[in-house]
Amino acid sequence: MNDQSIAPNETMQLHEILTFKNTCLTKALTMSPLVSDEELKSILQQEVSVSEKHIEELRSLMEKSNIASSEE
């Protein structure tokens, strides 16, 4: 098997994780303005940064898939 491509089942799993991380990012961004506690705001800001990084990495992996379509 070619090491440069991702199997269809792996692509589906990546898609599920990508969907979950997008939901996490959306929730953190939505909740941030509503939070008054500074520590919680910091945690949400960290979640935004980490989620953005993970989404970028997951999209990069999805590009290696033979069945992935452009979702931009």
PDB file of N, CA and C in Angstrom:
ATOM      1  N   MET A   1       0.844  -1.184   0.000  1.00  0.00           N
ATOM      2  CA  MET A   1       0.000   0.000   0.000  1.00  0.00           C
ATOM      3  C   MET A   1       0.884   1.240   0.000  1.00  0.00           C
ATOM      4  N   ASN A   2       0.457   2.259  -0.690  1.00  0.00           N
ATOM      5  CA  ASN A   2       1.193   3.511  -0.784  1.00  0.00           C
ATOM      6  C   ASN A   2       1.112   4.276   0.540  1.00  0.00           C
ATOM      7  N   ASP A   3       2.251   4.635   1.100  1.00  0.00           N
ATOM      8  CA  ASP A   3       2.293   5.332   2.381  1.00  0.00           C
ATOM      9  C   ASP A   3       1.806   6.776   2.282  1.00  0.00           C
ATOM     10  N   GLN A   4       1.682   7.301   1.064  1.00  0.00           N
ATOM     11  CA  GLN A   4       1.293   8.692   0.879  1.00  0.00           C
ATOM     12  C   GLN A   4      -0.218   8.905   0.927  1.00  0.00           C
ATOM     13  N   SER A   5      -0.994   7.850   0.814  1.00  0.00           N
ATOM     14  CA  SER A   5      -2.445   8.008   0.819  1.00  0.00           C
ATOM     15  C   SER A   5      -3.039   7.416   2.089  1.00  0.00           C
ATOM     16  N   ILE A   6      -4.263   7.807   2.344  1.00  0.00           N
ATOM     17  CA  ILE A   6      -4.975   7.361   3.541  1.00  0.00           C
ATOM     18  C   ILE A   6      -6.135   6.483   3.094  1.00  0.00           C
ATOM     19  N   ALA A   7      -6.330   5.384   3.769  1.00  0.00           N
ATOM     20  CA  ALA A   7      -7.401   4.440   3.440  1.00  0.00           C
ATOM     21  C   ALA A   7      -8.769   5.085   3.662  1.00  0.00           C
ATOM     22  N   PRO A   8      -9.791   4.609   2.954  1.00  0.00           N
ATOM     23  CA  PRO A   8     -11.131   5.186   3.105  1.00  0.00           C
ATOM     24  C   PRO A   8     -11.661   5.170   4.542  1.00  0.00           C
ATOM     25  N   ASN A   9     -11.442   4.069   5.271  1.00  0.00           N
ATOM     26  CA  ASN A   9     -11.928   4.033   6.661  1.00  0.00           C
ATOM     27  C   ASN A   9     -11.199   5.058   7.535  1.00  0.00           C
ATOM     28  N   GLU A  10      -9.920   5.277   7.276  1.00  0.00           N
ATOM     29  CA  GLU A  10      -9.167   6.292   8.024  1.00  0.00           C
ATOM     30  C   GLU A  10      -9.667   7.691   7.676  1.00  0.00           C
ATOM     31  N   THR A  11     -10.029   7.881   6.416  1.00  0.00           N
ATOM     32  CA  THR A  11     -10.576   9.164   5.989  1.00  0.00           C
ATOM     33  C   THR A  11     -11.875   9.470   6.727  1.00  0.00           C
ATOM     34  N   MET A  12     -12.726   8.464   6.857  1.00  0.00           N
ATOM     35  CA  MET A  12     -13.993   8.654   7.574  1.00  0.00           C
ATOM     36  C   MET A  12     -13.745   8.978   9.048  1.00  0.00           C
ATOM     37  N   GLN A  13     -12.766   8.312   9.646  1.00  0.00           N
ATOM     38  CA  GLN A  13     -12.439   8.598  11.043  1.00  0.00           C
ATOM     39  C   GLN A  13     -11.882  10.009  11.197  1.00  0.00           C
ATOM     40  N   LEU A  14     -11.028  10.414  10.267  1.00  0.00           N
ATOM     41  CA  LEU A  14     -10.507  11.784  10.292  1.00  0.00           C
ATOM     42  C   LEU A  14     -11.633  12.792  10.154  1.00  0.00           C
ATOM     43  N   HIS A  15     -12.586  12.492   9.289  1.00  0.00           N
ATOM     44  CA  HIS A  15     -13.714  13.396   9.096  1.00  0.00           C
ATOM     45  C   HIS A  15     -14.529  13.542  10.382  1.00  0.00           C
ATOM     46  N   GLU A  16     -14.745  12.445  11.079  1.00  0.00           N
ATOM     47  CA  GLU A  16     -15.469  12.492  12.353  1.00  0.00           C
ATOM     48  C   GLU A  16     -14.726  13.337  13.381  1.00  0.00           C
ATOM     49  N   ILE A  17     -13.419  13.160  13.457  1.00  0.00           N
ATOM     50  CA  ILE A  17     -12.619  13.941  14.411  1.00  0.00           C
ATOM     51  C   ILE A  17     -12.634  15.417  14.017  1.00  0.00           C
ATOM     52  N   LEU A  18     -12.528  15.690  12.726  1.00  0.00           N
ATOM     53  CA  LEU A  18     -12.556  17.070  12.238  1.00  0.00           C
ATOM     54  C   LEU A  18     -13.882  17.738  12.581  1.00  0.00           C
ATOM     55  N   THR A  19     -14.964  17.015  12.411  1.00  0.00           N
ATOM     56  CA  THR A  19     -16.283  17.548  12.761  1.00  0.00           C
ATOM     57  C   THR A  19     -16.361  17.856  14.252  1.00  0.00           C
ATOM     58  N   PHE A  20     -15.858  16.953  15.066  1.00  0.00           N
ATOM     59  CA  PHE A  20     -15.855  17.160  16.522  1.00  0.00           C
ATOM     60  C   PHE A  20     -15.020  18.387  16.908  1.00  0.00           C
ATOM     61  N   LYS A  21     -13.819  18.514  16.325  1.00  0.00           N
ATOM     62  CA  LYS A  21     -12.949  19.645  16.653  1.00  0.00           C
ATOM     63  C   LYS A  21     -13.570  20.962  16.195  1.00  0.00           C
ATOM     64  N   ASN A  22     -14.275  20.955  15.068  1.00  0.00           N
ATOM     65  CA  ASN A  22     -14.971  22.155  14.612  1.00  0.00           C
ATOM     66  C   ASN A  22     -16.066  22.554  15.604  1.00  0.00           C
ATOM     67  N   THR A  23     -16.757  21.559  16.146  1.00  0.00           N
ATOM     68  CA  THR A  23     -17.788  21.820  17.152  1.00  0.00           C
ATOM     69  C   THR A  23     -17.158  22.397  18.422  1.00  0.00           C
ATOM     70  N   CYS A  24     -16.030  21.843  18.839  1.00  0.00           N
ATOM     71  CA  CYS A  24     -15.321  22.351  20.023  1.00  0.00           C
ATOM     72  C   CYS A  24     -14.902  23.801  19.824  1.00  0.00           C
ATOM     73  N   LEU A  25     -14.363  24.100  18.655  1.00  0.00           N
ATOM     74  CA  LEU A  25     -13.915  25.457  18.344  1.00  0.00           C
ATOM     75  C   LEU A  25     -15.094  26.419  18.352  1.00  0.00           C
ATOM     76  N   THR A  26     -16.177  26.033  17.721  1.00  0.00           N
ATOM     77  CA  THR A  26     -17.359  26.886  17.671  1.00  0.00           C
ATOM     78  C   THR A  26     -17.899  27.166  19.071  1.00  0.00           C
ATOM     79  N   LYS A  27     -17.958  26.142  19.890  1.00  0.00           N
ATOM     80  CA  LYS A  27     -18.475  26.305  21.253  1.00  0.00           C
ATOM     81  C   LYS A  27     -17.565  27.216  22.078  1.00  0.00           C
ATOM     82  N   ALA A  28     -16.255  27.015  21.978  1.00  0.00           N
ATOM     83  CA  ALA A  28     -15.313  27.846  22.738  1.00  0.00           C
ATOM     84  C   ALA A  28     -15.399  29.306  22.293  1.00  0.00           C
ATOM     85  N   LEU A  29     -15.492  29.530  20.981  1.00  0.00           N
ATOM     86  CA  LEU A  29     -15.599  30.904  20.474  1.00  0.00           C
ATOM     87  C   LEU A  29     -16.915  31.557  20.880  1.00  0.00           C
ATOM     88  N   THR A  30     -17.975  30.784  20.903  1.00  0.00           N
ATOM     89  CA  THR A  30     -19.293  31.311  21.264  1.00  0.00           C
ATOM     90  C   THR A  30     -19.385  31.626  22.749  1.00  0.00           C
ATOM     91  N   MET A  31     -18.783  30.788  23.569  1.00  0.00           N
ATOM     92  CA  MET A  31     -18.891  30.959  25.018  1.00  0.00           C
ATOM     93  C   MET A  31     -17.942  32.018  25.576  1.00  0.00           C
ATOM     94  N   SER A  32     -16.836  32.262  24.907  1.00  0.00           N
ATOM     95  CA  SER A  32     -15.821  33.196  25.421  1.00  0.00           C
ATOM     96  C   SER A  32     -16.369  34.564  25.818  1.00  0.00           C
ATOM     97  N   PRO A  33     -17.167  35.216  24.974  1.00  0.00           N
ATOM     98  CA  PRO A  33     -17.671  36.539  25.364  1.00  0.00           C
ATOM     99  C   PRO A  33     -18.649  36.514  26.541  1.00  0.00           C
ATOM    100  N   LEU A  34     -19.219  35.360  26.819  1.00  0.00           N
ATOM    101  CA  LEU A  34     -20.219  35.247  27.882  1.00  0.00           C
ATOM    102  C   LEU A  34     -19.616  34.956  29.248  1.00  0.00           C
ATOM    103  N   VAL A  35     -18.326  34.640  29.280  1.00  0.00           N
ATOM    104  CA  VAL A  35     -17.666  34.221  30.516  1.00  0.00           C
ATOM    105  C   VAL A  35     -17.041  35.425  31.208  1.00  0.00           C
ATOM    106  N   SER A  36     -17.242  35.516  32.520  1.00  0.00           N
ATOM    107  CA  SER A  36     -16.650  36.620  33.272  1.00  0.00           C
ATOM    108  C   SER A  36     -15.408  36.194  34.066  1.00  0.00           C
ATOM    109  N   ASP A  37     -15.299  34.910  34.369  1.00  0.00           N
ATOM    110  CA  ASP A  37     -14.155  34.402  35.121  1.00  0.00           C
ATOM    111  C   ASP A  37     -12.908  34.393  34.233  1.00  0.00           C
ATOM    112  N   GLU A  38     -11.851  35.041  34.703  1.00  0.00           N
ATOM    113  CA  GLU A  38     -10.630  35.169  33.899  1.00  0.00           C
ATOM    114  C   GLU A  38      -9.932  33.832  33.649  1.00  0.00           C
ATOM    115  N   GLU A  39      -9.952  32.965  34.635  1.00  0.00           N
ATOM    116  CA  GLU A  39      -9.316  31.650  34.462  1.00  0.00           C
ATOM    117  C   GLU A  39     -10.057  30.831  33.401  1.00  0.00           C
ATOM    118  N   LEU A  40     -11.366  30.867  33.435  1.00  0.00           N
ATOM    119  CA  LEU A  40     -12.157  30.146  32.445  1.00  0.00           C
ATOM    120  C   LEU A  40     -11.967  30.753  31.052  1.00  0.00           C
ATOM    121  N   LYS A  41     -11.877  32.071  30.984  1.00  0.00           N
ATOM    122  CA  LYS A  41     -11.604  32.729  29.703  1.00  0.00           C
ATOM    123  C   LYS A  41     -10.271  32.264  29.133  1.00  0.00           C
ATOM    124  N   SER A  42      -9.296  32.142  29.994  1.00  0.00           N
ATOM    125  CA  SER A  42      -7.979  31.677  29.572  1.00  0.00           C
ATOM    126  C   SER A  42      -8.053  30.247  29.035  1.00  0.00           C
ATOM    127  N   ILE A  43      -8.783  29.407  29.724  1.00  0.00           N
ATOM    128  CA  ILE A  43      -8.945  28.015  29.285  1.00  0.00           C
ATOM    129  C   ILE A  43      -9.635  27.968  27.922  1.00  0.00           C
ATOM    130  N   LEU A  44     -10.675  28.762  27.748  1.00  0.00           N
ATOM    131  CA  LEU A  44     -11.377  28.792  26.468  1.00  0.00           C
ATOM    132  C   LEU A  44     -10.469  29.319  25.352  1.00  0.00           C
ATOM    133  N   GLN A  45      -9.650  30.309  25.664  1.00  0.00           N
ATOM    134  CA  GLN A  45      -8.722  30.851  24.671  1.00  0.00           C
ATOM    135  C   GLN A  45      -7.684  29.802  24.264  1.00  0.00           C
ATOM    136  N   GLN A  46      -7.223  29.033  25.239  1.00  0.00           N
ATOM    137  CA  GLN A  46      -6.297  27.939  24.938  1.00  0.00           C
ATOM    138  C   GLN A  46      -6.975  26.894  24.060  1.00  0.00           C
ATOM    139  N   GLU A  47      -8.226  26.600  24.348  1.00  0.00           N
ATOM    140  CA  GLU A  47      -8.985  25.630  23.545  1.00  0.00           C
ATOM    141  C   GLU A  47      -9.136  26.116  22.103  1.00  0.00           C
ATOM    142  N   VAL A  48      -9.367  27.401  21.924  1.00  0.00           N
ATOM    143  CA  VAL A  48      -9.469  27.964  20.583  1.00  0.00           C
ATOM    144  C   VAL A  48      -8.153  27.768  19.831  1.00  0.00           C
ATOM    145  N   SER A  49      -7.052  28.092  20.475  1.00  0.00           N
ATOM    146  CA  SER A  49      -5.747  27.952  19.828  1.00  0.00           C
ATOM    147  C   SER A  49      -5.432  26.504  19.471  1.00  0.00           C
ATOM    148  N   VAL A  50      -5.667  25.615  20.406  1.00  0.00           N
ATOM    149  CA  VAL A  50      -5.383  24.199  20.177  1.00  0.00           C
ATOM    150  C   VAL A  50      -6.308  23.631  19.101  1.00  0.00           C
ATOM    151  N   SER A  51      -7.579  23.973  19.161  1.00  0.00           N
ATOM    152  CA  SER A  51      -8.533  23.467  18.171  1.00  0.00           C
ATOM    153  C   SER A  51      -8.180  23.947  16.769  1.00  0.00           C
ATOM    154  N   GLU A  52      -7.789  25.207  16.636  1.00  0.00           N
ATOM    155  CA  GLU A  52      -7.399  25.723  15.324  1.00  0.00           C
ATOM    156  C   GLU A  52      -6.202  24.956  14.768  1.00  0.00           C
ATOM    157  N   LYS A  53      -5.237  24.678  15.629  1.00  0.00           N
ATOM    158  CA  LYS A  53      -4.058  23.919  15.204  1.00  0.00           C
ATOM    159  C   LYS A  53      -4.451  22.499  14.787  1.00  0.00           C
ATOM    160  N   HIS A  54      -5.285  21.854  15.592  1.00  0.00           N
ATOM    161  CA  HIS A  54      -5.718  20.492  15.281  1.00  0.00           C
ATOM    162  C   HIS A  54      -6.508  20.433  13.979  1.00  0.00           C
ATOM    163  N   ILE A  55      -7.373  21.407  13.764  1.00  0.00           N
ATOM    164  CA  ILE A  55      -8.170  21.446  12.540  1.00  0.00           C
ATOM    165  C   ILE A  55      -7.258  21.583  11.323  1.00  0.00           C
ATOM    166  N   GLU A  56      -6.266  22.430  11.434  1.00  0.00           N
ATOM    167  CA  GLU A  56      -5.318  22.600  10.336  1.00  0.00           C
ATOM    168  C   GLU A  56      -4.578  21.291  10.047  1.00  0.00           C
ATOM    169  N   GLU A  57      -4.140  20.599  11.091  1.00  0.00           N
ATOM    170  CA  GLU A  57      -3.438  19.333  10.915  1.00  0.00           C
ATOM    171  C   GLU A  57      -4.359  18.262  10.318  1.00  0.00           C
ATOM    172  N   LEU A  58      -5.592  18.217  10.779  1.00  0.00           N
ATOM    173  CA  LEU A  58      -6.541  17.235  10.265  1.00  0.00           C
ATOM    174  C   LEU A  58      -6.861  17.500   8.789  1.00  0.00           C
ATOM    175  N   ARG A  59      -7.014  18.747   8.435  1.00  0.00           N
ATOM    176  CA  ARG A  59      -7.264  19.079   7.021  1.00  0.00           C
ATOM    177  C   ARG A  59      -6.076  18.687   6.158  1.00  0.00           C
ATOM    178  N   SER A  60      -4.889  18.876   6.685  1.00  0.00           N
ATOM    179  CA  SER A  60      -3.694  18.476   5.948  1.00  0.00           C
ATOM    180  C   SER A  60      -3.691  16.966   5.708  1.00  0.00           C
ATOM    181  N   LEU A  61      -4.069  16.201   6.717  1.00  0.00           N
ATOM    182  CA  LEU A  61      -4.148  14.750   6.561  1.00  0.00           C
ATOM    183  C   LEU A  61      -5.252  14.355   5.583  1.00  0.00           C
ATOM    184  N   MET A  62      -6.369  15.057   5.626  1.00  0.00           N
ATOM    185  CA  MET A  62      -7.482  14.753   4.722  1.00  0.00           C
ATOM    186  C   MET A  62      -7.085  14.957   3.265  1.00  0.00           C
ATOM    187  N   GLU A  63      -6.186  15.881   3.008  1.00  0.00           N
ATOM    188  CA  GLU A  63      -5.742  16.141   1.641  1.00  0.00           C
ATOM    189  C   GLU A  63      -4.994  14.937   1.059  1.00  0.00           C
ATOM    190  N   LYS A  64      -4.460  14.072   1.914  1.00  0.00           N
ATOM    191  CA  LYS A  64      -3.740  12.887   1.455  1.00  0.00           C
ATOM    192  C   LYS A  64      -4.692  11.754   1.085  1.00  0.00           C
ATOM    193  N   SER A  65      -5.967  11.932   1.366  1.00  0.00           N
ATOM    194  CA  SER A  65      -6.945  10.891   1.096  1.00  0.00           C
ATOM    195  C   SER A  65      -7.338  10.889  -0.375  1.00  0.00           C
ATOM    196  N   ASN A  66      -7.584   9.715  -0.885  1.00  0.00           N
ATOM    197  CA  ASN A  66      -8.052   9.571  -2.269  1.00  0.00           C
ATOM    198  C   ASN A  66      -9.509   9.946  -2.425  1.00  0.00           C
ATOM    199  N   ILE A  67     -10.282   9.904  -1.352  1.00  0.00           N
ATOM    200  CA  ILE A  67     -11.721  10.160  -1.454  1.00  0.00           C
ATOM    201  C   ILE A  67     -12.125  11.493  -0.859  1.00  0.00           C
ATOM    202  N   ALA A  68     -11.190  12.226  -0.289  1.00  0.00           N
ATOM    203  CA  ALA A  68     -11.519  13.504   0.338  1.00  0.00           C
ATOM    204  C   ALA A  68     -11.913  14.518  -0.729  1.00  0.00           C
ATOM    205  N   SER A  69     -12.926  15.315  -0.375  1.00  0.00           N
ATOM    206  CA  SER A  69     -13.331  16.382  -1.271  1.00  0.00           C
ATOM    207  C   SER A  69     -13.016  17.715  -0.619  1.00  0.00           C
ATOM    208  N   SER A  70     -12.945  18.747  -1.403  1.00  0.00           N
ATOM    209  CA  SER A  70     -12.651  20.072  -0.878  1.00  0.00           C
ATOM    210  C   SER A  70     -13.851  20.564  -0.088  1.00  0.00           C
ATOM    211  N   GLU A  71     -13.621  20.936   1.183  1.00  0.00           N
ATOM    212  CA  GLU A  71     -14.709  21.396   2.060  1.00  0.00           C
ATOM    213  C   GLU A  71     -14.484  22.842   2.496  1.00  0.00           C
ATOM    214  N   GLU A  72     -13.788  23.609   1.742  1.00  0.00           N
ATOM    215  CA  GLU A  72     -13.487  24.978   2.154  1.00  0.00           C
ATOM    216  C   GLU A  72     -14.552  25.915   1.772  1.00  0.00           C
TER     217      GLU A  72
END
